[in-house]
PDB file of N, CA and C in Angstrom:
ATOM      1  N   MET A   1      -3.722  16.932  46.304  1.00  0.00           N
ATOM      2  CA  MET A   1      -4.662  15.982  46.792  1.00  0.00           C
ATOM      3  C   MET A   1      -4.739  14.757  45.872  1.00  0.00           C
ATOM      4  N   TRP A   2      -4.978  14.999  44.556  1.00  0.00           N
ATOM      5  CA  TRP A   2      -5.063  13.890  43.621  1.00  0.00           C
ATOM      6  C   TRP A   2      -3.714  13.200  43.457  1.00  0.00           C
ATOM      7  N   ASP A   3      -2.645  13.995  43.544  1.00  0.00           N
ATOM      8  CA  ASP A   3      -1.310  13.430  43.403  1.00  0.00           C
ATOM      9  C   ASP A   3      -1.048  12.395  44.498  1.00  0.00           C
ATOM     10  N   ASN A   4      -1.438  12.708  45.723  1.00  0.00           N
ATOM     11  CA  ASN A   4      -1.270  11.761  46.824  1.00  0.00           C
ATOM     12  C   ASN A   4      -2.141  10.522  46.609  1.00  0.00           C
ATOM     13  N   PHE A   5      -3.346  10.729  46.139  1.00  0.00           N
ATOM     14  CA  PHE A   5      -4.243   9.601  45.888  1.00  0.00           C
ATOM     15  C   PHE A   5      -3.661   8.667  44.825  1.00  0.00           C
ATOM     16  N   ILE A   6      -3.162   9.258  43.740  1.00  0.00           N
ATOM     17  CA  ILE A   6      -2.595   8.460  42.656  1.00  0.00           C
ATOM     18  C   ILE A   6      -1.355   7.717  43.141  1.00  0.00           C
ATOM     19  N   ARG A   7      -0.495   8.363  43.889  1.00  0.00           N
ATOM     20  CA  ARG A   7       0.696   7.690  44.416  1.00  0.00           C
ATOM     21  C   ARG A   7       0.314   6.549  45.335  1.00  0.00           C
ATOM     22  N   THR A   8      -0.703   6.761  46.148  1.00  0.00           N
ATOM     23  CA  THR A   8      -1.148   5.711  47.053  1.00  0.00           C
ATOM     24  C   THR A   8      -1.779   4.559  46.274  1.00  0.00           C
ATOM     25  N   PHE A   9      -2.599   4.905  45.313  1.00  0.00           N
ATOM     26  CA  PHE A   9      -3.308   3.890  44.540  1.00  0.00           C
ATOM     27  C   PHE A   9      -2.346   3.064  43.682  1.00  0.00           C
ATOM     28  N   PHE A  10      -1.430   3.746  43.010  1.00  0.00           N
ATOM     29  CA  PHE A  10      -0.492   3.058  42.137  1.00  0.00           C
ATOM     30  C   PHE A  10       0.822   2.722  42.818  1.00  0.00           C
ATOM     31  N   SER A  11       0.958   3.084  44.063  1.00  0.00           N
ATOM     32  CA  SER A  11       2.180   2.859  44.862  1.00  0.00           C
ATOM     33  C   SER A  11       3.434   3.303  44.125  1.00  0.00           C
ATOM     34  N   GLY A  12       3.410   4.515  43.673  1.00  0.00           N
ATOM     35  CA  GLY A  12       4.569   5.064  42.981  1.00  0.00           C
ATOM     36  C   GLY A  12       4.210   6.356  42.301  1.00  0.00           C
ATOM     37  N   SER A  13       4.992   6.730  41.339  1.00  0.00           N
ATOM     38  CA  SER A  13       4.763   7.987  40.626  1.00  0.00           C
ATOM     39  C   SER A  13       3.973   7.727  39.352  1.00  0.00           C
ATOM     40  N   LEU A  14       3.683   8.787  38.640  1.00  0.00           N
ATOM     41  CA  LEU A  14       2.929   8.680  37.405  1.00  0.00           C
ATOM     42  C   LEU A  14       3.784   8.197  36.238  1.00  0.00           C
ATOM     43  N   GLU A  15       5.086   8.290  36.339  1.00  0.00           N
ATOM     44  CA  GLU A  15       5.965   7.887  35.252  1.00  0.00           C
ATOM     45  C   GLU A  15       6.171   6.378  35.254  1.00  0.00           C
ATOM     46  N   GLU A  16       6.395   5.827  34.071  1.00  0.00           N
ATOM     47  CA  GLU A  16       6.652   4.404  33.966  1.00  0.00           C
ATOM     48  C   GLU A  16       8.068   4.108  34.461  1.00  0.00           C
ATOM     49  N   PRO A  17       8.286   2.919  35.001  1.00  0.00           N
ATOM     50  CA  PRO A  17       9.645   2.546  35.381  1.00  0.00           C
ATOM     51  C   PRO A  17      10.562   2.549  34.165  1.00  0.00           C
ATOM     52  N   LEU A  18      11.828   2.756  34.377  1.00  0.00           N
ATOM     53  CA  LEU A  18      12.787   2.862  33.284  1.00  0.00           C
ATOM     54  C   LEU A  18      12.855   1.593  32.435  1.00  0.00           C
ATOM     55  N   GLU A  19      12.704   0.429  33.040  1.00  0.00           N
ATOM     56  CA  GLU A  19      12.818  -0.795  32.257  1.00  0.00           C
ATOM     57  C   GLU A  19      11.634  -0.999  31.315  1.00  0.00           C
ATOM     58  N   ARG A  20      10.529  -0.312  31.529  1.00  0.00           N
ATOM     59  CA  ARG A  20       9.368  -0.437  30.653  1.00  0.00           C
ATOM     60  C   ARG A  20       9.360   0.599  29.531  1.00  0.00           C
ATOM     61  N   GLN A  21      10.184   1.610  29.640  1.00  0.00           N
ATOM     62  CA  GLN A  21      10.225   2.636  28.615  1.00  0.00           C
ATOM     63  C   GLN A  21      11.025   2.140  27.407  1.00  0.00           C
ATOM     64  N   VAL A  22      10.618   2.545  26.227  1.00  0.00           N
ATOM     65  CA  VAL A  22      11.343   2.171  25.019  1.00  0.00           C
ATOM     66  C   VAL A  22      12.519   3.117  24.867  1.00  0.00           C
ATOM     67  N   ARG A  23      13.641   2.528  24.678  1.00  0.00           N
ATOM     68  CA  ARG A  23      14.861   3.326  24.521  1.00  0.00           C
ATOM     69  C   ARG A  23      15.066   3.670  23.053  1.00  0.00           C
ATOM     70  N   ASP A  24      15.819   4.734  22.799  1.00  0.00           N
ATOM     71  CA  ASP A  24      16.051   5.172  21.428  1.00  0.00           C
ATOM     72  C   ASP A  24      16.825   4.148  20.612  1.00  0.00           C
ATOM     73  N   ASN A  25      17.701   3.388  21.237  1.00  0.00           N
ATOM     74  CA  ASN A  25      18.545   2.469  20.491  1.00  0.00           C
ATOM     75  C   ASN A  25      17.910   1.089  20.299  1.00  0.00           C
ATOM     76  N   GLU A  26      16.698   0.873  20.819  1.00  0.00           N
ATOM     77  CA  GLU A  26      16.026  -0.406  20.627  1.00  0.00           C
ATOM     78  C   GLU A  26      15.453  -0.497  19.224  1.00  0.00           C
ATOM     79  N   VAL A  27      15.427  -1.701  18.715  1.00  0.00           N
ATOM     80  CA  VAL A  27      14.875  -1.943  17.391  1.00  0.00           C
ATOM     81  C   VAL A  27      13.500  -2.581  17.555  1.00  0.00           C
ATOM     82  N   CYS A  28      12.517  -1.959  16.951  1.00  0.00           N
ATOM     83  CA  CYS A  28      11.162  -2.481  17.005  1.00  0.00           C
ATOM     84  C   CYS A  28      10.864  -3.174  15.679  1.00  0.00           C
ATOM     85  N   PRO A  29      10.103  -4.267  15.688  1.00  0.00           N
ATOM     86  CA  PRO A  29       9.806  -4.957  14.428  1.00  0.00           C
ATOM     87  C   PRO A  29       8.890  -4.122  13.547  1.00  0.00           C
ATOM     88  N   ASP A  30       9.095  -4.254  12.241  1.00  0.00           N
ATOM     89  CA  ASP A  30       8.238  -3.557  11.288  1.00  0.00           C
ATOM     90  C   ASP A  30       6.898  -4.264  11.208  1.00  0.00           C
ATOM     91  N   VAL A  31       5.855  -3.492  11.054  1.00  0.00           N
ATOM     92  CA  VAL A  31       4.520  -4.044  10.898  1.00  0.00           C
ATOM     93  C   VAL A  31       4.173  -4.005   9.421  1.00  0.00           C
ATOM     94  N   ILE A  32       3.817  -5.158   8.883  1.00  0.00           N
ATOM     95  CA  ILE A  32       3.462  -5.240   7.476  1.00  0.00           C
ATOM     96  C   ILE A  32       1.956  -5.452   7.391  1.00  0.00           C
ATOM     97  N   GLU A  33       1.286  -4.473   6.810  1.00  0.00           N
ATOM     98  CA  GLU A  33      -0.159  -4.561   6.655  1.00  0.00           C
ATOM     99  C   GLU A  33      -0.490  -4.994   5.240  1.00  0.00           C
ATOM    100  N   LYS A  34      -1.480  -5.841   5.144  1.00  0.00           N
ATOM    101  CA  LYS A  34      -1.975  -6.245   3.832  1.00  0.00           C
ATOM    102  C   LYS A  34      -3.111  -5.304   3.473  1.00  0.00           C
ATOM    103  N   THR A  35      -2.912  -4.523   2.436  1.00  0.00           N
ATOM    104  CA  THR A  35      -3.935  -3.556   2.052  1.00  0.00           C
ATOM    105  C   THR A  35      -5.048  -4.246   1.287  1.00  0.00           C
ATOM    106  N   ASN A  36      -6.189  -3.604   1.243  1.00  0.00           N
ATOM    107  CA  ASN A  36      -7.320  -4.155   0.503  1.00  0.00           C
ATOM    108  C   ASN A  36      -6.989  -4.332  -0.966  1.00  0.00           C
ATOM    109  N   GLU A  37      -6.180  -3.420  -1.499  1.00  0.00           N
ATOM    110  CA  GLU A  37      -5.862  -3.487  -2.915  1.00  0.00           C
ATOM    111  C   GLU A  37      -5.101  -4.763  -3.251  1.00  0.00           C
ATOM    112  N   SER A  38      -4.136  -5.130  -2.423  1.00  0.00           N
ATOM    113  CA  SER A  38      -3.384  -6.352  -2.699  1.00  0.00           C
ATOM    114  C   SER A  38      -4.231  -7.591  -2.419  1.00  0.00           C
ATOM    115  N   ARG A  39      -5.199  -7.474  -1.534  1.00  0.00           N
ATOM    116  CA  ARG A  39      -6.077  -8.598  -1.201  1.00  0.00           C
ATOM    117  C   ARG A  39      -6.947  -8.979  -2.396  1.00  0.00           C
ATOM    118  N   TYR A  40      -7.439  -8.000  -3.126  1.00  0.00           N
ATOM    119  CA  TYR A  40      -8.353  -8.244  -4.237  1.00  0.00           C
ATOM    120  C   TYR A  40      -7.691  -8.091  -5.601  1.00  0.00           C
ATOM    121  N   GLU A  41      -6.380  -8.009  -5.630  1.00  0.00           N
ATOM    122  CA  GLU A  41      -5.656  -7.775  -6.880  1.00  0.00           C
ATOM    123  C   GLU A  41      -5.949  -8.862  -7.923  1.00  0.00           C
ATOM    124  N   SER A  42      -5.888 -10.129  -7.529  1.00  0.00           N
ATOM    125  CA  SER A  42      -6.117 -11.213  -8.494  1.00  0.00           C
ATOM    126  C   SER A  42      -7.581 -11.230  -8.963  1.00  0.00           C
ATOM    127  N   ASP A  43      -8.511 -10.913  -8.061  1.00  0.00           N
ATOM    128  CA  ASP A  43      -9.924 -10.857  -8.441  1.00  0.00           C
ATOM    129  C   ASP A  43     -10.178  -9.755  -9.459  1.00  0.00           C
ATOM    130  N   ILE A  44      -9.571  -8.602  -9.233  1.00  0.00           N
ATOM    131  CA  ILE A  44      -9.761  -7.465 -10.135  1.00  0.00           C
ATOM    132  C   ILE A  44      -9.158  -7.767 -11.508  1.00  0.00           C
ATOM    133  N   GLU A  45      -7.985  -8.396 -11.527  1.00  0.00           N
ATOM    134  CA  GLU A  45      -7.371  -8.761 -12.806  1.00  0.00           C
ATOM    135  C   GLU A  45      -8.244  -9.749 -13.567  1.00  0.00           C
ATOM    136  N   ALA A  46      -8.830 -10.717 -12.863  1.00  0.00           N
ATOM    137  CA  ALA A  46      -9.704 -11.689 -13.506  1.00  0.00           C
ATOM    138  C   ALA A  46     -10.960 -11.019 -14.058  1.00  0.00           C
ATOM    139  N   LEU A  47     -11.517 -10.077 -13.308  1.00  0.00           N
ATOM    140  CA  LEU A  47     -12.701  -9.355 -13.786  1.00  0.00           C
ATOM    141  C   LEU A  47     -12.364  -8.461 -14.979  1.00  0.00           C
ATOM    142  N   LYS A  48     -11.166  -7.871 -14.982  1.00  0.00           N
ATOM    143  CA  LYS A  48     -10.747  -7.044 -16.122  1.00  0.00           C
ATOM    144  C   LYS A  48     -10.605  -7.901 -17.373  1.00  0.00           C
ATOM    145  N   GLN A  49     -10.077  -9.120 -17.228  1.00  0.00           N
ATOM    146  CA  GLN A  49      -9.965 -10.015 -18.377  1.00  0.00           C
ATOM    147  C   GLN A  49     -11.341 -10.424 -18.887  1.00  0.00           C
ATOM    148  N   LYS A  50     -12.267 -10.642 -17.988  1.00  0.00           N
ATOM    149  CA  LYS A  50     -13.621 -11.073 -18.366  1.00  0.00           C
ATOM    150  C   LYS A  50     -14.389  -9.959 -19.074  1.00  0.00           C
ATOM    151  N   PHE A  51     -14.317  -8.730 -18.516  1.00  0.00           N
ATOM    152  CA  PHE A  51     -15.134  -7.628 -19.040  1.00  0.00           C
ATOM    153  C   PHE A  51     -14.354  -6.666 -19.927  1.00  0.00           C
ATOM    154  N   GLY A  52     -13.068  -6.836 -20.041  1.00  0.00           N
ATOM    155  CA  GLY A  52     -12.255  -6.067 -20.982  1.00  0.00           C
ATOM    156  C   GLY A  52     -12.334  -4.566 -20.777  1.00  0.00           C
ATOM    157  N   ASP A  53     -12.560  -3.833 -21.881  1.00  0.00           N
ATOM    158  CA  ASP A  53     -12.564  -2.373 -21.864  1.00  0.00           C
ATOM    159  C   ASP A  53     -13.740  -1.791 -21.093  1.00  0.00           C
ATOM    160  N   SER A  54     -14.791  -2.566 -20.917  1.00  0.00           N
ATOM    161  CA  SER A  54     -15.965  -2.042 -20.224  1.00  0.00           C
ATOM    162  C   SER A  54     -15.773  -2.001 -18.708  1.00  0.00           C
ATOM    163  N   PHE A  55     -14.645  -2.504 -18.204  1.00  0.00           N
ATOM    164  CA  PHE A  55     -14.364  -2.466 -16.765  1.00  0.00           C
ATOM    165  C   PHE A  55     -13.900  -1.058 -16.399  1.00  0.00           C
ATOM    166  N   SER A  56     -14.858  -0.185 -16.108  1.00  0.00           N
ATOM    167  CA  SER A  56     -14.536   1.203 -15.782  1.00  0.00           C
ATOM    168  C   SER A  56     -15.559   1.732 -14.791  1.00  0.00           C
ATOM    169  N   THR A  57     -15.339   2.943 -14.320  1.00  0.00           N
ATOM    170  CA  THR A  57     -16.230   3.574 -13.350  1.00  0.00           C
ATOM    171  C   THR A  57     -17.646   3.656 -13.897  1.00  0.00           C
ATOM    172  N   GLY A  58     -18.598   3.344 -13.037  1.00  0.00           N
ATOM    173  CA  GLY A  58     -20.006   3.405 -13.428  1.00  0.00           C
ATOM    174  C   GLY A  58     -20.560   2.097 -13.940  1.00  0.00           C
ATOM    175  N   LEU A  59     -19.715   1.088 -14.080  1.00  0.00           N
ATOM    176  CA  LEU A  59     -20.156  -0.212 -14.565  1.00  0.00           C
ATOM    177  C   LEU A  59     -21.001  -0.909 -13.508  1.00  0.00           C
ATOM    178  N   SER A  60     -22.026  -1.586 -13.927  1.00  0.00           N
ATOM    179  CA  SER A  60     -22.861  -2.376 -13.034  1.00  0.00           C
ATOM    180  C   SER A  60     -22.859  -3.813 -13.549  1.00  0.00           C
ATOM    181  N   ILE A  61     -22.408  -4.739 -12.717  1.00  0.00           N
ATOM    182  CA  ILE A  61     -22.276  -6.142 -13.119  1.00  0.00           C
ATOM    183  C   ILE A  61     -23.208  -6.985 -12.265  1.00  0.00           C
ATOM    184  N   GLU A  62     -24.070  -7.759 -12.916  1.00  0.00           N
ATOM    185  CA  GLU A  62     -24.876  -8.755 -12.217  1.00  0.00           C
ATOM    186  C   GLU A  62     -24.408 -10.105 -12.724  1.00  0.00           C
ATOM    187  N   ILE A  63     -23.928 -10.941 -11.807  1.00  0.00           N
ATOM    188  CA  ILE A  63     -23.289 -12.191 -12.198  1.00  0.00           C
ATOM    189  C   ILE A  63     -23.788 -13.325 -11.312  1.00  0.00           C
ATOM    190  N   ASP A  64     -23.943 -14.512 -11.905  1.00  0.00           N
ATOM    191  CA  ASP A  64     -24.344 -15.689 -11.149  1.00  0.00           C
ATOM    192  C   ASP A  64     -23.196 -16.166 -10.279  1.00  0.00           C
ATOM    193  N   LEU A  65     -23.554 -16.789  -9.173  1.00  0.00           N
ATOM    194  CA  LEU A  65     -22.550 -17.308  -8.245  1.00  0.00           C
ATOM    195  C   LEU A  65     -21.660 -18.338  -8.921  1.00  0.00           C
ATOM    196  N   LYS A  66     -22.228 -19.212  -9.728  1.00  0.00           N
ATOM    197  CA  LYS A  66     -21.441 -20.236 -10.427  1.00  0.00           C
ATOM    198  C   LYS A  66     -20.378 -19.606 -11.318  1.00  0.00           C
ATOM    199  N   GLU A  67     -20.753 -18.539 -12.002  1.00  0.00           N
ATOM    200  CA  GLU A  67     -19.834 -17.892 -12.933  1.00  0.00           C
ATOM    201  C   GLU A  67     -18.703 -17.169 -12.199  1.00  0.00           C
ATOM    202  N   ILE A  68     -19.024 -16.458 -11.123  1.00  0.00           N
ATOM    203  CA  ILE A  68     -17.968 -15.727 -10.409  1.00  0.00           C
ATOM    204  C   ILE A  68     -17.059 -16.684  -9.641  1.00  0.00           C
ATOM    205  N   LEU A  69     -17.579 -17.849  -9.260  1.00  0.00           N
ATOM    206  CA  LEU A  69     -16.716 -18.841  -8.617  1.00  0.00           C
ATOM    207  C   LEU A  69     -15.667 -19.369  -9.582  1.00  0.00           C
ATOM    208  N   LYS A  70     -15.993 -19.413 -10.867  1.00  0.00           N
ATOM    209  CA  LYS A  70     -15.004 -19.812 -11.874  1.00  0.00           C
ATOM    210  C   LYS A  70     -13.961 -18.712 -12.082  1.00  0.00           C
ATOM    211  N   ILE A  71     -14.414 -17.464 -12.055  1.00  0.00           N
ATOM    212  CA  ILE A  71     -13.518 -16.324 -12.293  1.00  0.00           C
ATOM    213  C   ILE A  71     -12.680 -16.012 -11.062  1.00  0.00           C
ATOM    214  N   CYS A  72     -13.341 -15.905  -9.908  1.00  0.00           N
ATOM    215  CA  CYS A  72     -12.689 -15.540  -8.641  1.00  0.00           C
ATOM    216  C   CYS A  72     -13.042 -16.601  -7.595  1.00  0.00           C
ATOM    217  N   PRO A  73     -12.298 -17.703  -7.554  1.00  0.00           N
ATOM    218  CA  PRO A  73     -12.670 -18.800  -6.643  1.00  0.00           C
ATOM    219  C   PRO A  73     -12.543 -18.415  -5.173  1.00  0.00           C
ATOM    220  N   ARG A  74     -13.404 -19.001  -4.357  1.00  0.00           N
ATOM    221  CA  ARG A  74     -13.403 -18.823  -2.907  1.00  0.00           C
ATOM    222  C   ARG A  74     -13.542 -20.188  -2.255  1.00  0.00           C
ATOM    223  N   GLU A  75     -13.015 -20.326  -1.041  1.00  0.00           N
ATOM    224  CA  GLU A  75     -13.194 -21.566  -0.289  1.00  0.00           C
ATOM    225  C   GLU A  75     -14.654 -21.729   0.116  1.00  0.00           C
ATOM    226  N   ARG A  76     -15.233 -20.637   0.573  1.00  0.00           N
ATOM    227  CA  ARG A  76     -16.640 -20.650   0.979  1.00  0.00           C
ATOM    228  C   ARG A  76     -17.470 -20.334  -0.249  1.00  0.00           C
ATOM    229  N   ARG A  77     -18.198 -21.300  -0.729  1.00  0.00           N
ATOM    230  CA  ARG A  77     -18.907 -21.183  -1.998  1.00  0.00           C
ATOM    231  C   ARG A  77     -20.296 -20.581  -1.800  1.00  0.00           C
ATOM    232  N   ARG A  78     -20.345 -19.354  -1.296  1.00  0.00           N
ATOM    233  CA  ARG A  78     -21.603 -18.644  -1.080  1.00  0.00           C
ATOM    234  C   ARG A  78     -21.461 -17.213  -1.589  1.00  0.00           C
ATOM    235  N   SER A  79     -22.583 -16.614  -1.893  1.00  0.00           N
ATOM    236  CA  SER A  79     -22.539 -15.262  -2.454  1.00  0.00           C
ATOM    237  C   SER A  79     -22.054 -14.227  -1.439  1.00  0.00           C
ATOM    238  N   ASP A  80     -22.263 -14.483  -0.147  1.00  0.00           N
ATOM    239  CA  ASP A  80     -21.816 -13.503   0.845  1.00  0.00           C
ATOM    240  C   ASP A  80     -20.302 -13.501   1.039  1.00  0.00           C
ATOM    241  N   SER A  81     -19.592 -14.447   0.460  1.00  0.00           N
ATOM    242  CA  SER A  81     -18.132 -14.440   0.563  1.00  0.00           C
ATOM    243  C   SER A  81     -17.510 -13.376  -0.346  1.00  0.00           C
ATOM    244  N   TYR A  82     -18.323 -12.726  -1.160  1.00  0.00           N
ATOM    245  CA  TYR A  82     -17.848 -11.670  -2.057  1.00  0.00           C
ATOM    246  C   TYR A  82     -18.184 -10.271  -1.547  1.00  0.00           C
ATOM    247  N   THR A  83     -18.672 -10.132  -0.335  1.00  0.00           N
ATOM    248  CA  THR A  83     -19.062  -8.808   0.165  1.00  0.00           C
ATOM    249  C   THR A  83     -17.871  -7.856   0.259  1.00  0.00           C
ATOM    250  N   GLY A  84     -16.707  -8.356   0.631  1.00  0.00           N
ATOM    251  CA  GLY A  84     -15.515  -7.508   0.690  1.00  0.00           C
ATOM    252  C   GLY A  84     -15.130  -6.985  -0.678  1.00  0.00           C
ATOM    253  N   LEU A  85     -15.142  -7.855  -1.666  1.00  0.00           N
ATOM    254  CA  LEU A  85     -14.830  -7.461  -3.042  1.00  0.00           C
ATOM    255  C   LEU A  85     -15.865  -6.470  -3.562  1.00  0.00           C
ATOM    256  N   ILE A  86     -17.126  -6.711  -3.253  1.00  0.00           N
ATOM    257  CA  ILE A  86     -18.201  -5.815  -3.691  1.00  0.00           C
ATOM    258  C   ILE A  86     -17.994  -4.412  -3.119  1.00  0.00           C
ATOM    259  N   GLY A  87     -17.705  -4.334  -1.829  1.00  0.00           N
ATOM    260  CA  GLY A  87     -17.468  -3.039  -1.195  1.00  0.00           C
ATOM    261  C   GLY A  87     -16.235  -2.347  -1.726  1.00  0.00           C
ATOM    262  N   PHE A  88     -15.173  -3.116  -1.965  1.00  0.00           N
ATOM    263  CA  PHE A  88     -13.928  -2.537  -2.481  1.00  0.00           C
ATOM    264  C   PHE A  88     -14.134  -1.978  -3.881  1.00  0.00           C
ATOM    265  N   LEU A  89     -14.808  -2.734  -4.741  1.00  0.00           N
ATOM    266  CA  LEU A  89     -15.065  -2.244  -6.098  1.00  0.00           C
ATOM    267  C   LEU A  89     -15.918  -0.982  -6.089  1.00  0.00           C
ATOM    268  N   GLN A  90     -16.872  -0.921  -5.174  1.00  0.00           N
ATOM    269  CA  GLN A  90     -17.738   0.257  -5.076  1.00  0.00           C
ATOM    270  C   GLN A  90     -16.939   1.483  -4.637  1.00  0.00           C
ATOM    271  N   LYS A  91     -16.109   1.318  -3.615  1.00  0.00           N
ATOM    272  CA  LYS A  91     -15.347   2.458  -3.084  1.00  0.00           C
ATOM    273  C   LYS A  91     -14.241   2.900  -4.024  1.00  0.00           C
ATOM    274  N   LYS A  92     -13.459   1.950  -4.529  1.00  0.00           N
ATOM    275  CA  LYS A  92     -12.264   2.281  -5.300  1.00  0.00           C
ATOM    276  C   LYS A  92     -12.574   2.640  -6.756  1.00  0.00           C
ATOM    277  N   TYR A  93     -13.461   1.868  -7.389  1.00  0.00           N
ATOM    278  CA  TYR A  93     -13.690   2.035  -8.818  1.00  0.00           C
ATOM    279  C   TYR A  93     -15.076   2.567  -9.173  1.00  0.00           C
ATOM    280  N   GLY A  94     -15.995   2.597  -8.213  1.00  0.00           N
ATOM    281  CA  GLY A  94     -17.354   3.022  -8.509  1.00  0.00           C
ATOM    282  C   GLY A  94     -18.121   1.991  -9.312  1.00  0.00           C
ATOM    283  N   ILE A  95     -17.746   0.724  -9.181  1.00  0.00           N
ATOM    284  CA  ILE A  95     -18.380  -0.373  -9.914  1.00  0.00           C
ATOM    285  C   ILE A  95     -19.324  -1.111  -8.977  1.00  0.00           C
ATOM    286  N   ILE A  96     -20.532  -1.365  -9.438  1.00  0.00           N
ATOM    287  CA  ILE A  96     -21.515  -2.102  -8.648  1.00  0.00           C
ATOM    288  C   ILE A  96     -21.483  -3.561  -9.100  1.00  0.00           C
ATOM    289  N   LEU A  97     -21.202  -4.451  -8.165  1.00  0.00           N
ATOM    290  CA  LEU A  97     -21.160  -5.882  -8.448  1.00  0.00           C
ATOM    291  C   LEU A  97     -22.267  -6.560  -7.656  1.00  0.00           C
ATOM    292  N   LYS A  98     -23.135  -7.277  -8.347  1.00  0.00           N
ATOM    293  CA  LYS A  98     -24.220  -8.023  -7.704  1.00  0.00           C
ATOM    294  C   LYS A  98     -24.011  -9.501  -7.990  1.00  0.00           C
ATOM    295  N   VAL A  99     -23.864 -10.289  -6.922  1.00  0.00           N
ATOM    296  CA  VAL A  99     -23.690 -11.730  -7.051  1.00  0.00           C
ATOM    297  C   VAL A  99     -25.015 -12.378  -6.709  1.00  0.00           C
ATOM    298  N   VAL A 100     -25.567 -13.129  -7.663  1.00  0.00           N
ATOM    299  CA  VAL A 100     -26.876 -13.741  -7.501  1.00  0.00           C
ATOM    300  C   VAL A 100     -26.708 -15.256  -7.503  1.00  0.00           C
ATOM    301  N   SER A 101     -27.292 -15.914  -6.503  1.00  0.00           N
ATOM    302  CA  SER A 101     -27.245 -17.373  -6.465  1.00  0.00           C
ATOM    303  C   SER A 101     -28.602 -17.939  -6.878  1.00  0.00           C
ATOM    304  N   GLN A 102     -28.620 -19.209  -7.262  1.00  0.00           N
ATOM    305  CA  GLN A 102     -29.879 -19.835  -7.666  1.00  0.00           C
ATOM    306  C   GLN A 102     -30.816 -20.002  -6.476  1.00  0.00           C
ATOM    307  N   LYS A 103     -30.261 -20.182  -5.296  1.00  0.00           N
ATOM    308  CA  LYS A 103     -31.085 -20.362  -4.111  1.00  0.00           C
ATOM    309  C   LYS A 103     -31.807 -19.076  -3.723  1.00  0.00           C
ATOM    310  N   SER A 104     -31.136 -17.964  -3.932  1.00  0.00           N
ATOM    311  CA  SER A 104     -31.729 -16.695  -3.514  1.00  0.00           C
ATOM    312  C   SER A 104     -31.646 -15.676  -4.641  1.00  0.00           C
ATOM    313  N   LYS A 105     -32.356 -15.920  -5.711  1.00  0.00           N
ATOM    314  CA  LYS A 105     -32.330 -15.003  -6.859  1.00  0.00           C
ATOM    315  C   LYS A 105     -32.817 -13.600  -6.489  1.00  0.00           C
ATOM    316  N   SER A 106     -33.733 -13.512  -5.537  1.00  0.00           N
ATOM    317  CA  SER A 106     -34.293 -12.204  -5.200  1.00  0.00           C
ATOM    318  C   SER A 106     -33.337 -11.389  -4.341  1.00  0.00           C
ATOM    319  N   SER A 107     -32.492 -12.039  -3.541  1.00  0.00           N
ATOM    320  CA  SER A 107     -31.579 -11.275  -2.694  1.00  0.00           C
ATOM    321  C   SER A 107     -30.212 -11.235  -3.340  1.00  0.00           C
ATOM    322  N   ASN A 108     -29.638 -10.043  -3.383  1.00  0.00           N
ATOM    323  CA  ASN A 108     -28.280  -9.895  -3.885  1.00  0.00           C
ATOM    324  C   ASN A 108     -27.513  -9.045  -2.902  1.00  0.00           C
ATOM    325  N   TYR A 109     -26.207  -9.116  -2.974  1.00  0.00           N
ATOM    326  CA  TYR A 109     -25.380  -8.444  -1.996  1.00  0.00           C
ATOM    327  C   TYR A 109     -24.705  -7.203  -2.578  1.00  0.00           C
ATOM    328  N   GLY A 110     -25.206  -6.645  -3.631  1.00  0.00           N
ATOM    329  CA  GLY A 110     -24.657  -5.414  -4.187  1.00  0.00           C
ATOM    330  C   GLY A 110     -25.092  -4.217  -3.346  1.00  0.00           C
ATOM    331  N   PHE A 111     -24.401  -3.127  -3.513  1.00  0.00           N
ATOM    332  CA  PHE A 111     -24.729  -1.911  -2.755  1.00  0.00           C
ATOM    333  C   PHE A 111     -25.466  -0.953  -3.647  1.00  0.00           C
TER     334      PHE A 111
END
């Protein structure tokens, strides 16, 4: 019953036509993903140079926006442009980074 309905609805069988199937001898392009680690690699190196040996798990850093813009520059000069870096440092290294701006000293974007 359903088989007839599907054939009527799709005007054919359930299988894809041969020209749409991927053949074994076809070459598909490789997909290159940019991992989070490579995205923040330069930022992490700059922070390691700034904080030296103390850059380890359990570290908590509270830094002004002006200072982190010198260390890790961004096109968008706002504290929320560091949320990705903050989350990555928390997950990967267990480091809490709080970026504080003069406009909003009470609000920070640390986790």
